[in-house]
Structure formats: structure tokens, C-alpha cells
Amino acid sequence: MINGGQRRLLSQYLLLDLAVKSLQHDMTVAERFKMKRVFLSSMDALLKQLHKDYFQLKRQLAQQKIRLVSWHRIDDYFSDVQVATVGNDEELRYANQALKTQVEELLLKQLQSHSFEQSK
């Protein structure tokens, strides 16, 4: 059974996973923009930071012997995530709209901190 701290780590890991996938998809769309150089360089820098954070969280979860087994969409509203822990597997349910909102907030926060660092 995972505790509250582990669940927060797992949720952050899932958000990063979704953010990376969404950004990778959006980058393919941005390739068609007339001013793609402006967008792609920012998106690429953001994607590199997200990857770094993603793998760091993945290592932390692995050290605690927590592994994401599967992620499947139930319907338009919910998705289930199966997680393997020492001794048993757990299934956690997430609201899709909440995940989307949290991913957007994560990306905005990352962009703001990235642009702040560049302005120094």
C-alpha cells in the first residue's frame, strides 16, 4: 500500500508523463507554424526540463519499489492507473479533466520559471 507522500510523488510523475506526451504532440503541430523557430526553441527547452524531472521522479519511485504497470482510460471522465508496490498492486482512479488542468498548470509554472531564469 502506498502512503500519502508516495501517492503525491506518483501523481507528480503521472503529470510529468502527460506533460511530456502532450508537448511532444504539440511540437509536431508547431512544425507547421510560420514562426515555428520562436515556439520550437521554447518548447524544446521546456521538454528537456520536463524529461529531467520525469526521470528523477521515476528513480525516486524505483528506489521506493513503486512502478507504473498500466494506464488506461475508462471513459471520457476517468482513467485508471495500475501501480506495482512491494507485495501488492494497486489501482488508482484519476479524473481526466483534473489531470488536464494540472498538466496545464505545471507547464505554465515551468514556462514562467524558465523565462524568469533567462531574464536574469
N, C-alpha and C. Protein backbone atom coordinates (compact mmCIF):
# COMPACT_ATOMS: atom_id res chain seq x y z
N MET A 1 0.84 -1.18 0.00
CA MET A 1 0.00 0.00 0.00
C MET A 1 0.89 1.24 0.00
N ILE A 2 0.55 2.19 -0.87
CA ILE A 2 1.36 3.41 -0.92
C ILE A 2 0.81 4.44 0.05
N ASN A 3 1.71 5.21 0.65
CA ASN A 3 1.29 6.22 1.61
C ASN A 3 1.06 7.56 0.89
N GLY A 4 0.68 8.56 1.63
CA GLY A 4 0.34 9.86 1.04
C GLY A 4 1.50 10.50 0.30
N GLY A 5 2.69 10.43 0.87
CA GLY A 5 3.86 11.01 0.21
C GLY A 5 4.18 10.30 -1.10
N GLN A 6 4.08 8.99 -1.09
CA GLN A 6 4.33 8.21 -2.30
C GLN A 6 3.26 8.50 -3.35
N ARG A 7 2.04 8.68 -2.91
CA ARG A 7 0.96 8.99 -3.86
C ARG A 7 1.18 10.35 -4.51
N ARG A 8 1.68 11.32 -3.73
CA ARG A 8 1.99 12.64 -4.31
C ARG A 8 3.11 12.52 -5.34
N LEU A 9 4.15 11.74 -5.03
CA LEU A 9 5.23 11.51 -5.99
C LEU A 9 4.69 10.85 -7.26
N LEU A 10 3.85 9.85 -7.08
CA LEU A 10 3.27 9.15 -8.22
C LEU A 10 2.41 10.09 -9.06
N SER A 11 1.61 10.90 -8.41
CA SER A 11 0.76 11.85 -9.14
C SER A 11 1.60 12.85 -9.92
N GLN A 12 2.68 13.33 -9.31
CA GLN A 12 3.57 14.26 -10.00
C GLN A 12 4.23 13.57 -11.20
N TYR A 13 4.60 12.31 -11.02
CA TYR A 13 5.18 11.52 -12.11
C TYR A 13 4.19 11.38 -13.26
N LEU A 14 2.94 11.10 -12.94
CA LEU A 14 1.91 10.96 -13.97
C LEU A 14 1.69 12.28 -14.71
N LEU A 15 1.68 13.38 -13.97
CA LEU A 15 1.52 14.69 -14.60
C LEU A 15 2.68 14.99 -15.54
N LEU A 16 3.88 14.67 -15.11
CA LEU A 16 5.04 14.88 -15.98
C LEU A 16 4.97 14.01 -17.22
N ASP A 17 4.52 12.78 -17.06
CA ASP A 17 4.36 11.87 -18.20
C ASP A 17 3.38 12.46 -19.21
N LEU A 18 2.25 12.92 -18.71
CA LEU A 18 1.25 13.54 -19.59
C LEU A 18 1.77 14.82 -20.22
N ALA A 19 2.49 15.62 -19.46
CA ALA A 19 3.02 16.87 -19.97
C ALA A 19 4.01 16.61 -21.11
N VAL A 20 4.89 15.63 -20.93
CA VAL A 20 5.87 15.28 -21.96
C VAL A 20 5.15 14.82 -23.22
N LYS A 21 4.19 13.92 -23.07
CA LYS A 21 3.46 13.41 -24.24
C LYS A 21 2.69 14.52 -24.95
N SER A 22 2.04 15.38 -24.18
CA SER A 22 1.28 16.49 -24.77
C SER A 22 2.19 17.45 -25.51
N LEU A 23 3.31 17.78 -24.88
CA LEU A 23 4.25 18.71 -25.51
C LEU A 23 4.86 18.12 -26.77
N GLN A 24 5.19 16.83 -26.75
CA GLN A 24 5.72 16.18 -27.94
C GLN A 24 4.70 16.23 -29.08
N HIS A 25 3.44 16.00 -28.76
CA HIS A 25 2.38 16.08 -29.77
C HIS A 25 2.26 17.50 -30.30
N ASP A 26 2.25 18.46 -29.40
CA ASP A 26 2.09 19.85 -29.81
C ASP A 26 3.27 20.34 -30.64
N MET A 27 4.46 19.80 -30.39
CA MET A 27 5.62 20.19 -31.18
C MET A 27 5.47 19.77 -32.64
N THR A 28 4.84 18.64 -32.87
CA THR A 28 4.62 18.22 -34.26
C THR A 28 3.65 19.16 -34.95
N VAL A 29 2.68 19.67 -34.21
CA VAL A 29 1.74 20.65 -34.77
C VAL A 29 2.45 21.98 -35.00
N ALA A 30 3.32 22.38 -34.08
CA ALA A 30 4.04 23.66 -34.18
C ALA A 30 5.01 23.67 -35.36
N GLU A 31 5.38 22.51 -35.84
CA GLU A 31 6.27 22.43 -37.01
C GLU A 31 5.66 23.13 -38.22
N ARG A 32 4.34 23.25 -38.24
CA ARG A 32 3.65 23.87 -39.37
C ARG A 32 3.45 25.38 -39.19
N PHE A 33 3.82 25.92 -38.04
CA PHE A 33 3.66 27.35 -37.79
C PHE A 33 4.62 28.14 -38.68
N LYS A 34 4.19 29.32 -39.10
CA LYS A 34 5.06 30.19 -39.88
C LYS A 34 6.26 30.65 -39.05
N MET A 35 6.03 30.89 -37.78
CA MET A 35 7.10 31.35 -36.90
C MET A 35 7.54 30.23 -35.96
N LYS A 36 7.69 29.07 -36.51
CA LYS A 36 7.98 27.89 -35.70
C LYS A 36 9.26 28.00 -34.89
N ARG A 37 10.26 28.73 -35.40
CA ARG A 37 11.53 28.84 -34.66
C ARG A 37 11.33 29.48 -33.30
N VAL A 38 10.41 30.41 -33.21
CA VAL A 38 10.13 31.09 -31.94
C VAL A 38 9.56 30.10 -30.93
N PHE A 39 8.59 29.32 -31.37
CA PHE A 39 7.91 28.39 -30.48
C PHE A 39 8.72 27.13 -30.19
N LEU A 40 9.34 26.59 -31.21
CA LEU A 40 10.02 25.31 -31.06
C LEU A 40 11.21 25.39 -30.11
N SER A 41 11.93 26.49 -30.10
CA SER A 41 13.07 26.58 -29.20
C SER A 41 12.61 26.61 -27.74
N SER A 42 11.53 27.33 -27.46
CA SER A 42 10.98 27.35 -26.09
C SER A 42 10.41 25.99 -25.71
N MET A 43 9.70 25.38 -26.63
CA MET A 43 9.11 24.08 -26.35
C MET A 43 10.18 23.02 -26.14
N ASP A 44 11.26 23.12 -26.91
CA ASP A 44 12.35 22.15 -26.77
C ASP A 44 13.03 22.29 -25.40
N ALA A 45 13.28 23.52 -24.98
CA ALA A 45 13.89 23.74 -23.67
C ALA A 45 12.98 23.23 -22.55
N LEU A 46 11.69 23.49 -22.70
CA LEU A 46 10.72 23.02 -21.71
C LEU A 46 10.68 21.50 -21.68
N LEU A 47 10.69 20.88 -22.83
CA LEU A 47 10.66 19.43 -22.91
C LEU A 47 11.90 18.80 -22.27
N LYS A 48 13.05 19.40 -22.45
CA LYS A 48 14.28 18.89 -21.82
C LYS A 48 14.17 18.94 -20.30
N GLN A 49 13.63 20.04 -19.77
CA GLN A 49 13.48 20.16 -18.33
C GLN A 49 12.46 19.15 -17.80
N LEU A 50 11.37 18.98 -18.52
CA LEU A 50 10.35 18.00 -18.11
C LEU A 50 10.92 16.59 -18.11
N HIS A 51 11.71 16.25 -19.13
CA HIS A 51 12.33 14.93 -19.18
C HIS A 51 13.24 14.71 -17.97
N LYS A 52 14.02 15.72 -17.65
CA LYS A 52 14.92 15.63 -16.50
C LYS A 52 14.12 15.37 -15.22
N ASP A 53 13.07 16.15 -15.00
CA ASP A 53 12.24 15.99 -13.81
C ASP A 53 11.54 14.62 -13.80
N TYR A 54 11.09 14.19 -14.97
CA TYR A 54 10.39 12.91 -15.12
C TYR A 54 11.30 11.75 -14.69
N PHE A 55 12.52 11.73 -15.21
CA PHE A 55 13.42 10.63 -14.89
C PHE A 55 13.89 10.68 -13.44
N GLN A 56 14.00 11.87 -12.89
CA GLN A 56 14.35 12.00 -11.48
C GLN A 56 13.25 11.40 -10.60
N LEU A 57 12.00 11.70 -10.91
CA LEU A 57 10.88 11.12 -10.15
C LEU A 57 10.78 9.62 -10.36
N LYS A 58 11.03 9.17 -11.57
CA LYS A 58 10.99 7.74 -11.86
C LYS A 58 12.02 7.00 -11.00
N ARG A 59 13.21 7.59 -10.85
CA ARG A 59 14.25 7.00 -9.99
C ARG A 59 13.80 6.97 -8.53
N GLN A 60 13.19 8.06 -8.07
CA GLN A 60 12.72 8.11 -6.68
C GLN A 60 11.67 7.03 -6.43
N LEU A 61 10.76 6.86 -7.37
CA LEU A 61 9.73 5.83 -7.22
C LEU A 61 10.37 4.44 -7.25
N ALA A 62 11.34 4.23 -8.12
CA ALA A 62 12.01 2.93 -8.20
C ALA A 62 12.74 2.61 -6.90
N GLN A 63 13.34 3.61 -6.28
CA GLN A 63 14.02 3.40 -5.00
C GLN A 63 13.03 2.95 -3.92
N GLN A 64 11.79 3.39 -4.05
CA GLN A 64 10.75 3.00 -3.10
C GLN A 64 9.99 1.77 -3.58
N LYS A 65 10.50 1.16 -4.66
CA LYS A 65 9.92 -0.04 -5.25
C LYS A 65 8.47 0.15 -5.68
N ILE A 66 8.24 1.28 -6.35
CA ILE A 66 6.92 1.60 -6.91
C ILE A 66 7.10 1.72 -8.41
N ARG A 67 6.23 1.04 -9.14
CA ARG A 67 6.35 1.00 -10.60
C ARG A 67 4.97 1.15 -11.23
N LEU A 68 4.89 1.98 -12.26
CA LEU A 68 3.66 2.13 -13.03
C LEU A 68 3.52 0.93 -13.95
N VAL A 69 2.42 0.18 -13.81
CA VAL A 69 2.20 -1.02 -14.62
C VAL A 69 1.41 -0.67 -15.87
N SER A 70 0.30 0.00 -15.69
CA SER A 70 -0.52 0.36 -16.85
C SER A 70 -1.36 1.60 -16.54
N TRP A 71 -1.80 2.19 -17.62
CA TRP A 71 -2.63 3.38 -17.53
C TRP A 71 -3.67 3.24 -18.63
N HIS A 72 -4.93 3.17 -18.26
CA HIS A 72 -5.95 3.06 -19.29
C HIS A 72 -7.13 3.95 -18.99
N ARG A 73 -7.66 4.48 -20.06
CA ARG A 73 -8.79 5.41 -19.98
C ARG A 73 -10.07 4.59 -19.83
N ILE A 74 -10.84 4.91 -18.79
CA ILE A 74 -12.11 4.22 -18.55
C ILE A 74 -13.19 4.77 -19.49
N ASP A 75 -13.32 6.08 -19.51
CA ASP A 75 -14.29 6.77 -20.36
C ASP A 75 -13.81 8.21 -20.52
N ASP A 76 -14.70 9.10 -20.92
CA ASP A 76 -14.31 10.50 -21.11
C ASP A 76 -13.95 11.18 -19.80
N TYR A 77 -14.34 10.60 -18.70
CA TYR A 77 -14.20 11.28 -17.41
C TYR A 77 -13.10 10.73 -16.50
N PHE A 78 -12.80 9.45 -16.60
CA PHE A 78 -11.87 8.83 -15.66
C PHE A 78 -10.85 7.92 -16.35
N SER A 79 -9.68 7.82 -15.70
CA SER A 79 -8.63 6.89 -16.12
C SER A 79 -8.16 6.14 -14.89
N ASP A 80 -7.80 4.88 -15.08
CA ASP A 80 -7.26 4.06 -14.00
C ASP A 80 -5.77 3.82 -14.24
N VAL A 81 -5.03 3.88 -13.16
CA VAL A 81 -3.59 3.64 -13.19
C VAL A 81 -3.31 2.47 -12.27
N GLN A 82 -2.66 1.44 -12.82
CA GLN A 82 -2.28 0.28 -12.01
C GLN A 82 -0.82 0.45 -11.61
N VAL A 83 -0.56 0.34 -10.31
CA VAL A 83 0.76 0.56 -9.75
C VAL A 83 1.20 -0.69 -9.00
N ALA A 84 2.44 -1.11 -9.24
CA ALA A 84 3.00 -2.25 -8.51
C ALA A 84 3.83 -1.72 -7.35
N THR A 85 3.58 -2.28 -6.18
CA THR A 85 4.37 -1.95 -4.99
C THR A 85 4.86 -3.27 -4.41
N VAL A 86 5.68 -3.17 -3.40
CA VAL A 86 6.17 -4.39 -2.76
C VAL A 86 4.98 -5.12 -2.14
N GLY A 87 4.73 -6.32 -2.60
CA GLY A 87 3.68 -7.12 -2.00
C GLY A 87 2.33 -7.08 -2.68
N ASN A 88 1.98 -5.96 -3.31
CA ASN A 88 0.67 -5.93 -3.96
C ASN A 88 0.60 -4.86 -5.05
N ASP A 89 -0.41 -4.97 -5.88
CA ASP A 89 -0.68 -3.96 -6.90
C ASP A 89 -1.88 -3.14 -6.44
N GLU A 90 -1.88 -1.89 -6.84
CA GLU A 90 -2.99 -1.01 -6.52
C GLU A 90 -3.50 -0.37 -7.80
N GLU A 91 -4.78 -0.07 -7.80
CA GLU A 91 -5.37 0.64 -8.92
C GLU A 91 -5.91 1.96 -8.41
N LEU A 92 -5.47 3.04 -9.02
CA LEU A 92 -5.86 4.38 -8.62
C LEU A 92 -6.67 5.01 -9.74
N ARG A 93 -7.70 5.73 -9.38
CA ARG A 93 -8.56 6.37 -10.38
C ARG A 93 -8.31 7.87 -10.37
N TYR A 94 -8.19 8.43 -11.57
CA TYR A 94 -7.96 9.86 -11.75
C TYR A 94 -9.03 10.45 -12.66
N ALA A 95 -9.43 11.67 -12.37
CA ALA A 95 -10.38 12.40 -13.22
C ALA A 95 -9.60 13.03 -14.37
N ASN A 96 -10.00 12.74 -15.59
CA ASN A 96 -9.27 13.22 -16.76
C ASN A 96 -9.20 14.75 -16.83
N GLN A 97 -10.31 15.43 -16.53
CA GLN A 97 -10.32 16.89 -16.60
C GLN A 97 -9.37 17.49 -15.56
N ALA A 98 -9.33 16.90 -14.38
CA ALA A 98 -8.41 17.38 -13.34
C ALA A 98 -6.96 17.18 -13.78
N LEU A 99 -6.66 16.04 -14.39
CA LEU A 99 -5.31 15.80 -14.89
C LEU A 99 -4.93 16.84 -15.95
N LYS A 100 -5.84 17.12 -16.85
CA LYS A 100 -5.58 18.09 -17.92
C LYS A 100 -5.29 19.47 -17.32
N THR A 101 -6.10 19.87 -16.37
CA THR A 101 -5.91 21.17 -15.73
C THR A 101 -4.58 21.23 -15.00
N GLN A 102 -4.24 20.17 -14.30
CA GLN A 102 -2.97 20.14 -13.55
C GLN A 102 -1.76 20.13 -14.48
N VAL A 103 -1.88 19.47 -15.63
CA VAL A 103 -0.79 19.47 -16.61
C VAL A 103 -0.61 20.88 -17.17
N GLU A 104 -1.71 21.55 -17.47
CA GLU A 104 -1.62 22.93 -17.97
C GLU A 104 -0.95 23.83 -16.94
N GLU A 105 -1.34 23.69 -15.67
CA GLU A 105 -0.74 24.49 -14.61
C GLU A 105 0.75 24.19 -14.46
N LEU A 106 1.12 22.93 -14.56
CA LEU A 106 2.53 22.53 -14.48
C LEU A 106 3.33 23.17 -15.61
N LEU A 107 2.80 23.11 -16.83
CA LEU A 107 3.50 23.69 -17.98
C LEU A 107 3.64 25.20 -17.85
N LEU A 108 2.57 25.86 -17.41
CA LEU A 108 2.63 27.32 -17.22
C LEU A 108 3.66 27.69 -16.16
N LYS A 109 3.68 26.95 -15.07
CA LYS A 109 4.64 27.20 -14.00
C LYS A 109 6.07 27.01 -14.50
N GLN A 110 6.29 25.93 -15.25
CA GLN A 110 7.62 25.66 -15.81
C GLN A 110 8.04 26.77 -16.77
N LEU A 111 7.11 27.22 -17.62
CA LEU A 111 7.42 28.29 -18.57
C LEU A 111 7.75 29.59 -17.85
N GLN A 112 7.00 29.91 -16.80
CA GLN A 112 7.26 31.13 -16.06
C GLN A 112 8.61 31.08 -15.37
N SER A 113 8.95 29.95 -14.77
CA SER A 113 10.24 29.85 -14.09
C SER A 113 11.38 29.84 -15.11
N HIS A 114 11.13 29.26 -16.28
CA HIS A 114 12.16 29.22 -17.32
C HIS A 114 12.41 30.63 -17.88
N SER A 115 11.34 31.39 -18.13
CA SER A 115 11.52 32.74 -18.68
C SER A 115 12.12 33.66 -17.64
N PHE A 116 11.84 33.44 -16.36
CA PHE A 116 12.42 34.24 -15.28
C PHE A 116 13.93 34.00 -15.22
N GLU A 117 14.33 32.74 -15.32
CA GLU A 117 15.75 32.39 -15.27
C GLU A 117 16.51 33.00 -16.45
N GLN A 118 15.88 33.04 -17.62
CA GLN A 118 16.53 33.61 -18.80
C GLN A 118 16.66 35.12 -18.71
N SER A 119 15.76 35.77 -17.97
CA SER A 119 15.78 37.22 -17.88
C SER A 119 16.83 37.72 -16.89
N LYS A 120 17.43 36.81 -16.10
CA LYS A 120 18.46 37.21 -15.12
C LYS A 120 19.74 37.62 -15.79
